[in-house]
Amino acid sequence: MLFTELEGHPAAAVLFLHAHPDDETLATGGLMATLAAEGFRVVLVTGTRGERGEVVPGPLAHLEGTPGLAPVRVAELAAAMRALGVDDHRFLGAGASAAAHGARAAGLPPRTYSDSGMQWGPLGTAVAADDAPFDALSLAPLDEVVDDIRTVVADVEPRLLVSYDETGGYGHPDHVRMHDAAARVSALTGIPLVTVVSAWEGDAALESDDVVVPLGDRRPAKFAALRAYATQLSVEGDDIVLSGGQRHTVAETEVYRRARS
């Protein structure tokens, strides 16, 4: 058993909280596929549709900065979920005609959360874009985001929450907002939160009680999910290449750390 919180609960729900399509696969795809294969109920809430994401060079590059990018990224996310064996996905918030598939607190008007965009700050980490839209996730009141997530918690009764650490991995404001909301939900409900230990931190950053999840037999599932994101990355052997040309080798493990209260 990877997490003691799941012992004795073979069909328990685990709720993953991410900001954009592709984040779930890049950061937690191995764990999601592993839990799904073991019979756990894996539920994903995605904060935005990644409307402001950069697009890799190639046949889809014309979508960058256009309204056409969001529906393509939604379709990519659906394909990635199929590859990981996950069938319960919801976007944060909900439109008037999509409440059943969203995460929106009762009594609040319909809304969706949009991608805040980002820029690189002077310290080499991501910061909010100067022109973040009015409905951006990072600008939304934290209490509103928390209330929306709690509607999913009430529905699926997860025994574990999974999200980013307090830095959001690399500072993206939407990642940070999802972490802050996850931490608040954990504090309010008592449901344990585990956070992603970024691969770039290396073995020296590991702590004794970190949970190391090998890709193992789920490696093909994670790579299939990565390949679904044709707008966001290219898969070349064991590496992924991002829109800016950054090349990263996909780690053979994912590492998780229990959040401290």
Foldseek 3Di string as FASTA:
>chain_A
DLDPLCPPPQAFEEEEEEEEQPPCLQAPLLVLLVSLVSNYQYAYEYQALCLQDQFADDDCNVSHPHPVSSVLSVVLSVQLCVLSNHDHYEYEFAAPPGVVRHQFAPPDHGDGAYAQDWDQDPVRFTDGDPCGDPRHQLPDPLVRSLRSVVSVCVVRVHLEYEAAPCCLQRNRSSRNSRNVSVVVNCVVPVRWYKHWDDVVVDPVPDDPPKRKAFSPPVVVSSVSSNCSPNGAWDDDPQWIAGRVRDIDGRDRIIIIGTDDD
